[in-house]
N, C-alpha and C. Protein backbone atom coordinates (compact mmCIF):
# COMPACT_ATOMS: atom_id res chain seq x y z
N MET A 1 0.84 -1.19 0.00
CA MET A 1 0.00 0.00 0.00
C MET A 1 0.88 1.24 0.00
N GLU A 2 0.53 2.21 -0.84
CA GLU A 2 1.30 3.44 -0.93
C GLU A 2 1.24 4.20 0.39
N LYS A 3 2.40 4.54 0.93
CA LYS A 3 2.49 5.21 2.22
C LYS A 3 1.84 6.59 2.16
N GLY A 4 0.99 6.88 3.13
CA GLY A 4 0.37 8.20 3.23
C GLY A 4 -0.86 8.39 2.37
N LYS A 5 -1.22 7.39 1.55
CA LYS A 5 -2.38 7.52 0.69
C LYS A 5 -3.65 7.29 1.49
N ILE A 6 -4.62 8.18 1.31
CA ILE A 6 -5.91 8.05 1.98
C ILE A 6 -6.84 7.23 1.09
N LEU A 7 -7.33 6.13 1.62
CA LEU A 7 -8.21 5.25 0.86
C LEU A 7 -9.67 5.59 1.12
N ASP A 8 -10.51 5.38 0.12
CA ASP A 8 -11.94 5.61 0.25
C ASP A 8 -12.61 4.30 0.65
N ILE A 9 -13.02 4.21 1.89
CA ILE A 9 -13.60 2.97 2.40
C ILE A 9 -14.91 2.62 1.69
N ALA A 10 -15.60 3.63 1.14
CA ALA A 10 -16.84 3.38 0.40
C ALA A 10 -16.56 2.53 -0.83
N HIS A 11 -15.44 2.82 -1.52
CA HIS A 11 -15.07 2.04 -2.70
C HIS A 11 -14.78 0.60 -2.32
N ILE A 12 -14.00 0.42 -1.26
CA ILE A 12 -13.62 -0.92 -0.83
C ILE A 12 -14.85 -1.72 -0.39
N SER A 13 -15.74 -1.06 0.34
CA SER A 13 -16.95 -1.73 0.82
C SER A 13 -17.86 -2.13 -0.34
N PHE A 14 -17.92 -1.28 -1.36
CA PHE A 14 -18.76 -1.57 -2.52
C PHE A 14 -18.30 -2.84 -3.22
N LEU A 15 -16.99 -2.97 -3.43
CA LEU A 15 -16.48 -4.18 -4.09
C LEU A 15 -16.69 -5.41 -3.23
N ASP A 16 -16.55 -5.26 -1.92
CA ASP A 16 -16.79 -6.40 -1.03
C ASP A 16 -18.28 -6.77 -1.01
N MET A 17 -19.14 -5.77 -1.17
CA MET A 17 -20.58 -6.03 -1.21
C MET A 17 -20.92 -6.88 -2.44
N ILE A 18 -20.33 -6.53 -3.58
CA ILE A 18 -20.55 -7.31 -4.80
C ILE A 18 -20.05 -8.74 -4.60
N LYS A 19 -18.87 -8.86 -3.98
CA LYS A 19 -18.31 -10.19 -3.71
C LYS A 19 -19.27 -11.01 -2.85
N SER A 20 -19.86 -10.38 -1.84
CA SER A 20 -20.78 -11.08 -0.94
C SER A 20 -22.04 -11.52 -1.67
N ILE A 21 -22.57 -10.66 -2.54
CA ILE A 21 -23.76 -11.00 -3.31
C ILE A 21 -23.50 -12.21 -4.20
N ILE A 22 -22.33 -12.22 -4.85
CA ILE A 22 -21.97 -13.35 -5.71
C ILE A 22 -21.85 -14.63 -4.90
N THR A 23 -21.20 -14.54 -3.73
CA THR A 23 -20.98 -15.71 -2.89
C THR A 23 -22.30 -16.26 -2.34
N LEU A 24 -23.18 -15.37 -1.88
CA LEU A 24 -24.42 -15.80 -1.25
C LEU A 24 -25.51 -16.20 -2.24
N SER A 25 -25.56 -15.51 -3.37
CA SER A 25 -26.67 -15.71 -4.31
C SER A 25 -26.29 -16.44 -5.60
N GLY A 26 -25.00 -16.46 -5.91
CA GLY A 26 -24.57 -17.05 -7.17
C GLY A 26 -24.50 -16.00 -8.27
N PRO A 27 -23.71 -16.23 -9.32
CA PRO A 27 -23.52 -15.24 -10.38
C PRO A 27 -24.80 -14.79 -11.08
N ALA A 28 -25.70 -15.73 -11.38
CA ALA A 28 -26.93 -15.37 -12.11
C ALA A 28 -27.81 -14.44 -11.30
N SER A 29 -28.01 -14.77 -10.03
CA SER A 29 -28.82 -13.93 -9.17
C SER A 29 -28.16 -12.58 -8.93
N ALA A 30 -26.83 -12.59 -8.74
CA ALA A 30 -26.10 -11.34 -8.52
C ALA A 30 -26.21 -10.44 -9.74
N LYS A 31 -26.15 -11.03 -10.92
CA LYS A 31 -26.30 -10.27 -12.16
C LYS A 31 -27.64 -9.53 -12.16
N GLY A 32 -28.71 -10.24 -11.82
CA GLY A 32 -30.04 -9.62 -11.79
C GLY A 32 -30.13 -8.51 -10.76
N ILE A 33 -29.55 -8.72 -9.59
CA ILE A 33 -29.60 -7.72 -8.52
C ILE A 33 -28.91 -6.44 -8.95
N LEU A 34 -27.70 -6.55 -9.50
CA LEU A 34 -26.94 -5.36 -9.88
C LEU A 34 -27.60 -4.62 -11.04
N ILE A 35 -28.12 -5.36 -12.01
CA ILE A 35 -28.78 -4.71 -13.15
C ILE A 35 -30.06 -4.00 -12.67
N ARG A 36 -30.84 -4.65 -11.82
CA ARG A 36 -32.07 -4.01 -11.33
C ARG A 36 -31.76 -2.74 -10.54
N ASN A 37 -30.70 -2.77 -9.76
CA ASN A 37 -30.30 -1.57 -9.02
C ASN A 37 -29.91 -0.43 -9.96
N ALA A 38 -29.22 -0.79 -11.04
CA ALA A 38 -28.82 0.21 -12.02
C ALA A 38 -30.05 0.82 -12.71
N LEU A 39 -31.01 -0.03 -13.05
CA LEU A 39 -32.22 0.45 -13.73
C LEU A 39 -33.06 1.32 -12.80
N ALA A 40 -33.07 0.99 -11.51
CA ALA A 40 -33.81 1.81 -10.54
C ALA A 40 -33.21 3.19 -10.45
N THR A 41 -31.89 3.27 -10.55
CA THR A 41 -31.21 4.57 -10.54
C THR A 41 -31.58 5.37 -11.78
N ALA A 42 -31.59 4.71 -12.93
CA ALA A 42 -31.92 5.38 -14.19
C ALA A 42 -33.34 5.95 -14.17
N GLU A 43 -34.24 5.28 -13.45
CA GLU A 43 -35.63 5.74 -13.38
C GLU A 43 -35.73 7.14 -12.77
N LYS A 44 -34.75 7.53 -11.99
CA LYS A 44 -34.76 8.85 -11.33
C LYS A 44 -34.33 9.97 -12.27
N THR A 45 -33.86 9.60 -13.46
CA THR A 45 -33.38 10.59 -14.42
C THR A 45 -34.55 11.29 -15.12
N GLU A 46 -34.48 12.60 -15.20
CA GLU A 46 -35.53 13.36 -15.88
C GLU A 46 -35.35 13.27 -17.39
N GLU A 47 -36.46 13.26 -18.11
CA GLU A 47 -36.40 13.19 -19.56
C GLU A 47 -35.92 14.52 -20.14
N VAL A 48 -35.19 14.42 -21.25
CA VAL A 48 -34.66 15.61 -21.91
C VAL A 48 -34.74 15.41 -23.41
N ASP A 49 -35.00 16.48 -24.13
CA ASP A 49 -35.11 16.42 -25.59
C ASP A 49 -34.16 17.46 -26.19
N TYR A 50 -33.14 16.98 -26.91
CA TYR A 50 -32.19 17.88 -27.57
C TYR A 50 -32.69 18.15 -28.99
N ALA A 51 -32.57 19.38 -29.42
CA ALA A 51 -33.07 19.77 -30.74
C ALA A 51 -32.31 19.07 -31.87
N SER A 52 -31.04 18.75 -31.62
CA SER A 52 -30.21 18.14 -32.67
C SER A 52 -29.11 17.30 -32.02
N PHE A 53 -28.44 16.51 -32.86
CA PHE A 53 -27.32 15.71 -32.37
C PHE A 53 -26.19 16.62 -31.89
N GLU A 54 -26.02 17.75 -32.58
CA GLU A 54 -25.00 18.72 -32.18
C GLU A 54 -25.27 19.23 -30.77
N GLU A 55 -26.54 19.48 -30.47
CA GLU A 55 -26.90 19.96 -29.13
C GLU A 55 -26.63 18.87 -28.09
N PHE A 56 -26.87 17.61 -28.47
CA PHE A 56 -26.57 16.48 -27.61
C PHE A 56 -25.08 16.44 -27.29
N ILE A 57 -24.23 16.62 -28.31
CA ILE A 57 -22.77 16.63 -28.13
C ILE A 57 -22.35 17.80 -27.25
N ASN A 58 -22.94 18.96 -27.47
CA ASN A 58 -22.61 20.13 -26.66
C ASN A 58 -22.93 19.90 -25.19
N ALA A 59 -23.99 19.15 -24.93
CA ALA A 59 -24.36 18.85 -23.56
C ALA A 59 -23.34 17.92 -22.90
N ILE A 60 -22.67 17.10 -23.71
CA ILE A 60 -21.57 16.28 -23.18
C ILE A 60 -20.43 17.19 -22.77
N GLU A 61 -20.12 18.16 -23.61
CA GLU A 61 -19.00 19.06 -23.35
C GLU A 61 -19.20 19.91 -22.10
N ASP A 62 -20.44 20.33 -21.84
CA ASP A 62 -20.66 21.15 -20.64
C ASP A 62 -21.14 20.32 -19.45
N SER A 63 -21.10 18.99 -19.63
CA SER A 63 -21.41 18.01 -18.58
C SER A 63 -22.86 18.07 -18.08
N SER A 64 -23.76 18.61 -18.90
CA SER A 64 -25.17 18.63 -18.52
C SER A 64 -25.92 17.42 -19.07
N ASN A 65 -25.30 16.69 -19.98
CA ASN A 65 -25.91 15.49 -20.55
C ASN A 65 -26.10 14.44 -19.45
N PRO A 66 -27.29 13.85 -19.35
CA PRO A 66 -27.52 12.87 -18.29
C PRO A 66 -26.55 11.69 -18.30
N ILE A 67 -26.12 11.28 -19.49
CA ILE A 67 -25.16 10.18 -19.58
C ILE A 67 -23.81 10.63 -19.05
N THR A 68 -23.40 11.82 -19.41
CA THR A 68 -22.11 12.36 -18.95
C THR A 68 -22.08 12.47 -17.44
N ARG A 69 -23.19 12.80 -16.86
CA ARG A 69 -23.23 12.98 -15.41
C ARG A 69 -22.98 11.70 -14.64
N ILE A 70 -23.21 10.54 -15.26
CA ILE A 70 -22.99 9.28 -14.54
C ILE A 70 -21.70 8.58 -14.95
N GLU A 71 -21.06 9.02 -16.04
CA GLU A 71 -19.85 8.31 -16.48
C GLU A 71 -18.69 9.20 -16.85
N GLY A 72 -18.89 10.51 -16.92
CA GLY A 72 -17.83 11.41 -17.38
C GLY A 72 -17.97 11.67 -18.88
N LYS A 73 -17.07 12.48 -19.40
CA LYS A 73 -17.16 12.91 -20.79
C LYS A 73 -16.66 11.84 -21.77
N ALA A 74 -17.56 11.44 -22.66
CA ALA A 74 -17.19 10.55 -23.75
C ALA A 74 -16.83 11.38 -24.97
N THR A 75 -16.13 10.77 -25.91
CA THR A 75 -15.72 11.45 -27.13
C THR A 75 -16.44 10.83 -28.32
N HIS A 76 -17.03 11.70 -29.17
CA HIS A 76 -17.66 11.19 -30.38
C HIS A 76 -16.56 10.88 -31.39
N CYS A 77 -16.45 9.63 -31.79
CA CYS A 77 -15.39 9.17 -32.69
C CYS A 77 -15.86 9.12 -34.14
N GLY A 78 -17.06 9.59 -34.39
CA GLY A 78 -17.64 9.57 -35.73
C GLY A 78 -18.64 8.45 -35.91
N GLU A 79 -19.60 8.66 -36.80
CA GLU A 79 -20.61 7.64 -37.14
C GLU A 79 -21.38 7.16 -35.92
N MET A 80 -21.64 8.07 -34.96
CA MET A 80 -22.44 7.80 -33.77
C MET A 80 -21.76 6.82 -32.80
N VAL A 81 -20.46 6.64 -32.95
CA VAL A 81 -19.69 5.78 -32.05
C VAL A 81 -18.93 6.63 -31.06
N PHE A 82 -18.96 6.23 -29.79
CA PHE A 82 -18.34 7.00 -28.72
C PHE A 82 -17.31 6.18 -27.97
N GLY A 83 -16.27 6.86 -27.50
CA GLY A 83 -15.27 6.24 -26.66
C GLY A 83 -15.22 6.95 -25.31
N LEU A 84 -15.13 6.17 -24.25
CA LEU A 84 -15.03 6.72 -22.90
C LEU A 84 -13.63 6.40 -22.38
N GLN A 85 -12.86 7.44 -22.15
CA GLN A 85 -11.44 7.23 -21.82
C GLN A 85 -11.23 6.63 -20.44
N LYS A 86 -12.06 7.01 -19.49
CA LYS A 86 -11.85 6.58 -18.10
C LYS A 86 -13.06 5.83 -17.59
N CYS A 87 -12.84 4.64 -17.04
CA CYS A 87 -13.93 3.87 -16.44
C CYS A 87 -14.40 4.58 -15.18
N PRO A 88 -15.71 4.76 -14.98
CA PRO A 88 -16.20 5.42 -13.78
C PRO A 88 -15.91 4.65 -12.50
N PHE A 89 -15.53 3.38 -12.65
CA PHE A 89 -15.21 2.57 -11.45
C PHE A 89 -13.71 2.44 -11.23
N GLU A 90 -12.93 3.23 -11.96
CA GLU A 90 -11.47 3.15 -11.83
C GLU A 90 -11.00 3.40 -10.40
N ALA A 91 -11.57 4.41 -9.76
CA ALA A 91 -11.15 4.72 -8.39
C ALA A 91 -11.48 3.58 -7.44
N SER A 92 -12.64 2.95 -7.64
CA SER A 92 -13.04 1.82 -6.80
C SER A 92 -12.05 0.67 -6.95
N ILE A 93 -11.68 0.37 -8.18
CA ILE A 93 -10.75 -0.72 -8.46
C ILE A 93 -9.39 -0.43 -7.83
N ASN A 94 -8.91 0.80 -8.03
CA ASN A 94 -7.59 1.15 -7.51
C ASN A 94 -7.55 1.12 -5.99
N ASN A 95 -8.61 1.60 -5.34
CA ASN A 95 -8.66 1.58 -3.88
C ASN A 95 -8.64 0.16 -3.35
N TYR A 96 -9.40 -0.72 -4.01
CA TYR A 96 -9.47 -2.10 -3.55
C TYR A 96 -8.11 -2.78 -3.71
N LYS A 97 -7.45 -2.56 -4.84
CA LYS A 97 -6.16 -3.18 -5.10
C LYS A 97 -5.08 -2.65 -4.17
N GLU A 98 -5.25 -1.43 -3.69
CA GLU A 98 -4.29 -0.88 -2.74
C GLU A 98 -4.26 -1.73 -1.46
N VAL A 99 -5.41 -2.28 -1.12
CA VAL A 99 -5.51 -3.06 0.11
C VAL A 99 -5.28 -4.55 -0.13
N PHE A 100 -5.94 -5.10 -1.16
CA PHE A 100 -5.93 -6.55 -1.36
C PHE A 100 -5.06 -7.03 -2.52
N ASN A 101 -4.49 -6.08 -3.28
CA ASN A 101 -3.57 -6.37 -4.40
C ASN A 101 -4.25 -6.94 -5.64
N GLU A 102 -5.36 -7.62 -5.48
CA GLU A 102 -6.06 -8.20 -6.62
C GLU A 102 -7.57 -8.12 -6.40
N MET A 103 -8.31 -8.35 -7.47
CA MET A 103 -9.75 -8.25 -7.38
C MET A 103 -10.32 -9.48 -6.65
N PRO A 104 -11.54 -9.35 -6.10
CA PRO A 104 -12.12 -10.45 -5.31
C PRO A 104 -12.35 -11.73 -6.10
N ASP A 105 -12.31 -12.86 -5.39
CA ASP A 105 -12.67 -14.14 -5.99
C ASP A 105 -14.12 -14.08 -6.47
N GLY A 106 -14.40 -14.74 -7.55
CA GLY A 106 -15.77 -14.80 -8.04
C GLY A 106 -16.09 -13.80 -9.13
N TYR A 107 -15.21 -12.80 -9.30
CA TYR A 107 -15.49 -11.77 -10.31
C TYR A 107 -15.45 -12.31 -11.73
N THR A 108 -14.53 -13.24 -11.99
CA THR A 108 -14.41 -13.80 -13.33
C THR A 108 -15.67 -14.58 -13.73
N GLY A 109 -16.16 -15.40 -12.82
CA GLY A 109 -17.38 -16.16 -13.09
C GLY A 109 -18.58 -15.27 -13.27
N PHE A 110 -18.63 -14.18 -12.50
CA PHE A 110 -19.74 -13.24 -12.64
C PHE A 110 -19.71 -12.58 -14.01
N THR A 111 -18.52 -12.19 -14.45
CA THR A 111 -18.40 -11.52 -15.75
C THR A 111 -18.85 -12.44 -16.89
N THR A 112 -18.51 -13.71 -16.79
CA THR A 112 -18.96 -14.69 -17.78
C THR A 112 -20.48 -14.77 -17.79
N GLU A 113 -21.09 -14.74 -16.62
CA GLU A 113 -22.54 -14.78 -16.51
C GLU A 113 -23.17 -13.53 -17.12
N PHE A 114 -22.60 -12.38 -16.86
CA PHE A 114 -23.13 -11.12 -17.40
C PHE A 114 -23.13 -11.13 -18.93
N ASN A 115 -22.12 -11.74 -19.53
CA ASN A 115 -22.00 -11.75 -20.98
C ASN A 115 -22.97 -12.71 -21.67
N LYS A 116 -23.61 -13.58 -20.91
CA LYS A 116 -24.59 -14.49 -21.49
C LYS A 116 -25.85 -13.74 -21.93
N SER A 117 -26.43 -14.19 -23.04
CA SER A 117 -27.67 -13.57 -23.53
C SER A 117 -28.80 -13.79 -22.52
N SER A 118 -29.59 -12.76 -22.33
CA SER A 118 -30.76 -12.84 -21.47
C SER A 118 -31.73 -11.77 -21.93
N PRO A 119 -32.99 -11.86 -21.55
CA PRO A 119 -33.96 -10.84 -21.96
C PRO A 119 -33.54 -9.42 -21.57
N ILE A 120 -32.94 -9.28 -20.38
CA ILE A 120 -32.60 -7.93 -19.91
C ILE A 120 -31.37 -7.38 -20.64
N THR A 121 -30.36 -8.24 -20.91
CA THR A 121 -29.19 -7.75 -21.64
C THR A 121 -29.53 -7.48 -23.10
N ASN A 122 -30.46 -8.25 -23.66
CA ASN A 122 -30.89 -7.99 -25.02
C ASN A 122 -31.68 -6.69 -25.11
N LYS A 123 -32.52 -6.44 -24.12
CA LYS A 123 -33.31 -5.21 -24.12
C LYS A 123 -32.43 -3.97 -24.11
N TYR A 124 -31.37 -4.03 -23.31
CA TYR A 124 -30.51 -2.85 -23.17
C TYR A 124 -29.24 -2.94 -24.00
N ARG A 125 -29.10 -4.00 -24.79
CA ARG A 125 -27.99 -4.16 -25.74
C ARG A 125 -26.63 -4.03 -25.05
N VAL A 126 -26.44 -4.86 -24.03
CA VAL A 126 -25.20 -4.87 -23.26
C VAL A 126 -24.66 -6.30 -23.19
N GLY A 127 -23.49 -6.46 -22.57
CA GLY A 127 -22.90 -7.79 -22.44
C GLY A 127 -22.52 -8.38 -23.78
N GLU A 128 -22.80 -9.67 -23.97
CA GLU A 128 -22.50 -10.39 -25.22
C GLU A 128 -20.99 -10.36 -25.54
N GLY A 129 -20.16 -10.32 -24.51
CA GLY A 129 -18.72 -10.28 -24.71
C GLY A 129 -18.11 -8.94 -24.34
N ALA A 130 -18.94 -7.90 -24.24
CA ALA A 130 -18.45 -6.55 -23.94
C ALA A 130 -18.26 -6.32 -22.45
N GLY A 131 -18.69 -7.27 -21.62
CA GLY A 131 -18.47 -7.13 -20.19
C GLY A 131 -17.10 -7.64 -19.81
N VAL A 132 -16.34 -6.84 -19.07
CA VAL A 132 -14.99 -7.27 -18.66
C VAL A 132 -14.83 -7.31 -17.14
N SER A 133 -15.86 -6.89 -16.42
CA SER A 133 -15.85 -6.94 -14.95
C SER A 133 -17.28 -6.81 -14.45
N PRO A 134 -17.55 -7.11 -13.17
CA PRO A 134 -18.90 -6.94 -12.62
C PRO A 134 -19.41 -5.50 -12.72
N PHE A 135 -18.49 -4.55 -12.76
CA PHE A 135 -18.91 -3.15 -12.83
C PHE A 135 -19.64 -2.84 -14.13
N CYS A 136 -19.31 -3.62 -15.18
CA CYS A 136 -20.00 -3.45 -16.46
C CYS A 136 -21.49 -3.74 -16.31
N SER A 137 -21.85 -4.63 -15.38
CA SER A 137 -23.26 -4.98 -15.19
C SER A 137 -24.04 -3.85 -14.53
N VAL A 138 -23.32 -2.90 -13.98
CA VAL A 138 -23.95 -1.70 -13.42
C VAL A 138 -23.90 -0.57 -14.44
N HIS A 139 -22.71 -0.33 -14.97
CA HIS A 139 -22.48 0.81 -15.85
C HIS A 139 -23.21 0.71 -17.18
N GLN A 140 -23.08 -0.44 -17.86
CA GLN A 140 -23.66 -0.56 -19.19
C GLN A 140 -25.19 -0.47 -19.19
N PRO A 141 -25.92 -1.22 -18.35
CA PRO A 141 -27.38 -1.07 -18.34
C PRO A 141 -27.83 0.31 -17.86
N LEU A 142 -27.08 0.90 -16.93
CA LEU A 142 -27.44 2.23 -16.45
C LEU A 142 -27.38 3.23 -17.57
N ARG A 143 -26.31 3.19 -18.36
CA ARG A 143 -26.18 4.12 -19.49
C ARG A 143 -27.31 3.90 -20.50
N SER A 144 -27.57 2.65 -20.85
CA SER A 144 -28.62 2.37 -21.83
C SER A 144 -30.00 2.77 -21.34
N ALA A 145 -30.25 2.56 -20.05
CA ALA A 145 -31.55 2.93 -19.48
C ALA A 145 -31.71 4.44 -19.41
N ILE A 146 -30.64 5.16 -19.14
CA ILE A 146 -30.70 6.62 -19.15
C ILE A 146 -30.96 7.12 -20.57
N ALA A 147 -30.40 6.43 -21.56
CA ALA A 147 -30.64 6.81 -22.95
C ALA A 147 -32.13 6.75 -23.29
N ASP A 148 -32.87 5.86 -22.61
CA ASP A 148 -34.31 5.78 -22.83
C ASP A 148 -35.03 7.05 -22.41
N LYS A 149 -34.35 7.87 -21.61
CA LYS A 149 -34.94 9.13 -21.13
C LYS A 149 -34.57 10.31 -22.02
N ILE A 150 -33.80 10.04 -23.07
CA ILE A 150 -33.30 11.11 -23.93
C ILE A 150 -33.94 11.06 -25.32
N ARG A 151 -34.27 12.22 -25.82
CA ARG A 151 -34.76 12.36 -27.19
C ARG A 151 -33.84 13.31 -27.93
N ILE A 152 -33.70 13.09 -29.23
CA ILE A 152 -32.99 14.02 -30.10
C ILE A 152 -33.92 14.39 -31.23
N GLY A 153 -34.30 15.64 -31.29
CA GLY A 153 -35.29 16.06 -32.29
C GLY A 153 -36.61 15.37 -32.11
N GLY A 154 -36.95 15.06 -30.86
CA GLY A 154 -38.20 14.40 -30.54
C GLY A 154 -38.19 12.88 -30.74
N LYS A 155 -37.07 12.34 -31.22
CA LYS A 155 -36.97 10.90 -31.49
C LYS A 155 -36.22 10.18 -30.37
N LYS A 156 -36.65 8.97 -30.06
CA LYS A 156 -35.97 8.18 -29.06
C LYS A 156 -34.57 7.79 -29.53
N ILE A 157 -33.67 7.57 -28.58
CA ILE A 157 -32.36 7.04 -28.92
C ILE A 157 -32.14 5.73 -28.17
N SER A 158 -31.22 4.93 -28.67
CA SER A 158 -30.83 3.71 -27.97
C SER A 158 -29.33 3.58 -28.02
N ILE A 159 -28.78 2.90 -27.03
CA ILE A 159 -27.33 2.70 -26.96
C ILE A 159 -27.01 1.22 -27.01
N SER A 160 -26.00 0.87 -27.80
CA SER A 160 -25.51 -0.51 -27.90
C SER A 160 -24.05 -0.54 -27.44
N GLN A 161 -23.74 -1.42 -26.50
CA GLN A 161 -22.38 -1.56 -26.00
C GLN A 161 -21.56 -2.37 -26.98
N LEU A 162 -20.54 -1.76 -27.56
CA LEU A 162 -19.74 -2.44 -28.58
C LEU A 162 -18.51 -3.14 -28.01
N GLY A 163 -17.91 -2.54 -26.99
CA GLY A 163 -16.72 -3.15 -26.43
C GLY A 163 -16.28 -2.45 -25.16
N CYS A 164 -15.37 -3.10 -24.45
CA CYS A 164 -14.88 -2.57 -23.19
C CYS A 164 -13.48 -3.12 -22.97
N LYS A 165 -12.69 -2.42 -22.14
CA LYS A 165 -11.34 -2.86 -21.84
C LYS A 165 -11.15 -2.94 -20.34
N SER A 166 -10.58 -4.04 -19.87
CA SER A 166 -10.38 -4.22 -18.44
C SER A 166 -9.21 -3.39 -17.94
N SER A 167 -9.05 -3.35 -16.62
CA SER A 167 -7.96 -2.58 -16.02
C SER A 167 -6.60 -3.18 -16.37
N THR A 168 -6.60 -4.45 -16.81
CA THR A 168 -5.35 -5.10 -17.21
C THR A 168 -5.11 -5.00 -18.72
N GLY A 169 -6.04 -4.34 -19.42
CA GLY A 169 -5.85 -4.13 -20.86
C GLY A 169 -6.51 -5.14 -21.76
N VAL A 170 -7.24 -6.10 -21.18
CA VAL A 170 -7.94 -7.11 -21.99
C VAL A 170 -9.20 -6.50 -22.61
N LYS A 171 -9.37 -6.65 -23.91
CA LYS A 171 -10.52 -6.09 -24.61
C LYS A 171 -11.64 -7.12 -24.75
N GLY A 172 -12.86 -6.66 -24.52
CA GLY A 172 -14.03 -7.49 -24.74
C GLY A 172 -14.90 -6.86 -25.81
N ILE A 173 -15.24 -7.61 -26.84
CA ILE A 173 -16.01 -7.10 -27.97
C ILE A 173 -17.35 -7.81 -28.08
N ALA A 174 -18.41 -7.06 -28.32
CA ALA A 174 -19.75 -7.64 -28.47
C ALA A 174 -20.07 -7.80 -29.96
N ARG A 175 -19.75 -8.97 -30.48
CA ARG A 175 -19.97 -9.24 -31.90
C ARG A 175 -21.44 -9.05 -32.28
N LYS A 176 -22.35 -9.43 -31.38
CA LYS A 176 -23.78 -9.32 -31.65
C LYS A 176 -24.18 -7.87 -31.90
N TRP A 177 -23.67 -6.96 -31.07
CA TRP A 177 -24.07 -5.55 -31.22
C TRP A 177 -23.31 -4.87 -32.36
N LEU A 178 -22.13 -5.39 -32.70
CA LEU A 178 -21.43 -4.90 -33.89
C LEU A 178 -22.27 -5.21 -35.13
N ASP A 179 -22.73 -6.44 -35.22
CA ASP A 179 -23.53 -6.85 -36.37
C ASP A 179 -24.82 -6.05 -36.47
N GLU A 180 -25.43 -5.79 -35.32
CA GLU A 180 -26.71 -5.06 -35.31
C GLU A 180 -26.53 -3.60 -35.73
N THR A 181 -25.44 -2.98 -35.30
CA THR A 181 -25.23 -1.55 -35.60
C THR A 181 -24.46 -1.33 -36.88
N GLY A 182 -23.79 -2.38 -37.37
CA GLY A 182 -23.00 -2.23 -38.60
C GLY A 182 -21.65 -1.59 -38.39
N VAL A 183 -21.19 -1.51 -37.15
CA VAL A 183 -19.89 -0.92 -36.85
C VAL A 183 -18.81 -1.98 -37.05
N ASN A 184 -17.71 -1.59 -37.68
CA ASN A 184 -16.62 -2.50 -37.94
C ASN A 184 -15.83 -2.79 -36.67
N GLN A 185 -15.45 -4.06 -36.48
CA GLN A 185 -14.71 -4.43 -35.28
C GLN A 185 -13.36 -3.72 -35.18
N ASP A 186 -12.72 -3.49 -36.32
CA ASP A 186 -11.42 -2.80 -36.30
C ASP A 186 -11.57 -1.39 -35.74
N THR A 187 -12.70 -0.76 -36.01
CA THR A 187 -12.97 0.58 -35.49
C THR A 187 -13.04 0.56 -33.97
N VAL A 188 -13.78 -0.43 -33.44
CA VAL A 188 -13.91 -0.55 -31.99
C VAL A 188 -12.58 -0.89 -31.35
N ASP A 189 -11.84 -1.80 -31.96
CA ASP A 189 -10.54 -2.19 -31.43
C ASP A 189 -9.60 -0.98 -31.35
N GLU A 190 -9.62 -0.16 -32.37
CA GLU A 190 -8.77 1.04 -32.38
C GLU A 190 -9.20 2.03 -31.30
N ILE A 191 -10.52 2.21 -31.15
CA ILE A 191 -11.02 3.13 -30.12
C ILE A 191 -10.62 2.65 -28.73
N LEU A 192 -10.66 1.34 -28.52
CA LEU A 192 -10.30 0.78 -27.21
C LEU A 192 -8.80 0.83 -26.93
N ASP A 193 -8.01 1.13 -27.94
CA ASP A 193 -6.57 1.32 -27.68
C ASP A 193 -6.35 2.49 -26.73
N SER A 194 -7.21 3.50 -26.83
CA SER A 194 -7.03 4.70 -26.00
C SER A 194 -8.24 5.01 -25.12
N ASN A 195 -9.20 4.09 -25.08
CA ASN A 195 -10.39 4.27 -24.27
C ASN A 195 -10.71 2.97 -23.53
N MET A 196 -11.54 3.10 -22.49
CA MET A 196 -11.92 1.92 -21.71
C MET A 196 -13.27 1.36 -22.13
N CYS A 197 -14.04 2.14 -22.87
CA CYS A 197 -15.41 1.75 -23.20
C CYS A 197 -15.76 2.30 -24.57
N CYS A 198 -16.55 1.55 -25.34
CA CYS A 198 -16.97 1.99 -26.66
C CYS A 198 -18.42 1.61 -26.89
N TYR A 199 -19.23 2.56 -27.32
CA TYR A 199 -20.65 2.29 -27.57
C TYR A 199 -21.19 3.09 -28.74
N HIS A 200 -22.36 2.69 -29.20
CA HIS A 200 -22.98 3.30 -30.39
C HIS A 200 -24.35 3.83 -30.01
N ILE A 201 -24.66 5.00 -30.55
CA ILE A 201 -25.98 5.59 -30.34
C ILE A 201 -26.79 5.53 -31.63
N THR A 202 -28.02 5.08 -31.51
CA THR A 202 -28.94 5.05 -32.65
C THR A 202 -30.10 6.00 -32.38
N ILE A 203 -30.40 6.85 -33.35
CA ILE A 203 -31.59 7.70 -33.25
C ILE A 203 -32.71 6.94 -33.96
N GLU A 204 -33.70 6.53 -33.19
CA GLU A 204 -34.77 5.71 -33.75
C GLU A 204 -35.63 6.51 -34.73
N GLU A 205 -36.13 5.82 -35.75
CA GLU A 205 -36.93 6.49 -36.78
C GLU A 205 -38.39 6.58 -36.39
N SER A 206 -38.83 5.79 -35.43
CA SER A 206 -40.23 5.86 -35.03
C SER A 206 -40.34 5.77 -33.52
């Protein structure tokens, strides 16, 4: 542990809480619990309608965008694809590793469970290989559910998780969502070279 560093006990407790849920309930049940908690948080988000995609981007820049407020500033990489440079759970991971040196037992099995197809992951277009840690089961559905509260020019938008990168640099790609959005895997791979998360926004036609 780095001498003199002040640790955030809330971060450490949160990771231990996830570990306990996995241990007591099993990966499948823990997946449902974390996703439901994320969706309950998204329900508190007020609806907003941006006049244009440019206005949506400007709201990211001034941090008023509801998505930006929960994950930080993402960068539009073109063709409605976004890269997020910093994982919102980075501080939690670093604090935990300062104490225990490695992530809790059970996290790998949970991540495998999150990536499995299910009605809820299909609805919010997450997982399918794009999950690289249990935190993805909170972050990805939360972002997609908040997108349900956003309109651009009066039209609904949806978010598809294309890929993610773990704290150790391992990339996870969601082939299913690449095929659905038509985004090339090489594009996502390149974005993940300098970002931790990559997703696509669709403006629905009806």
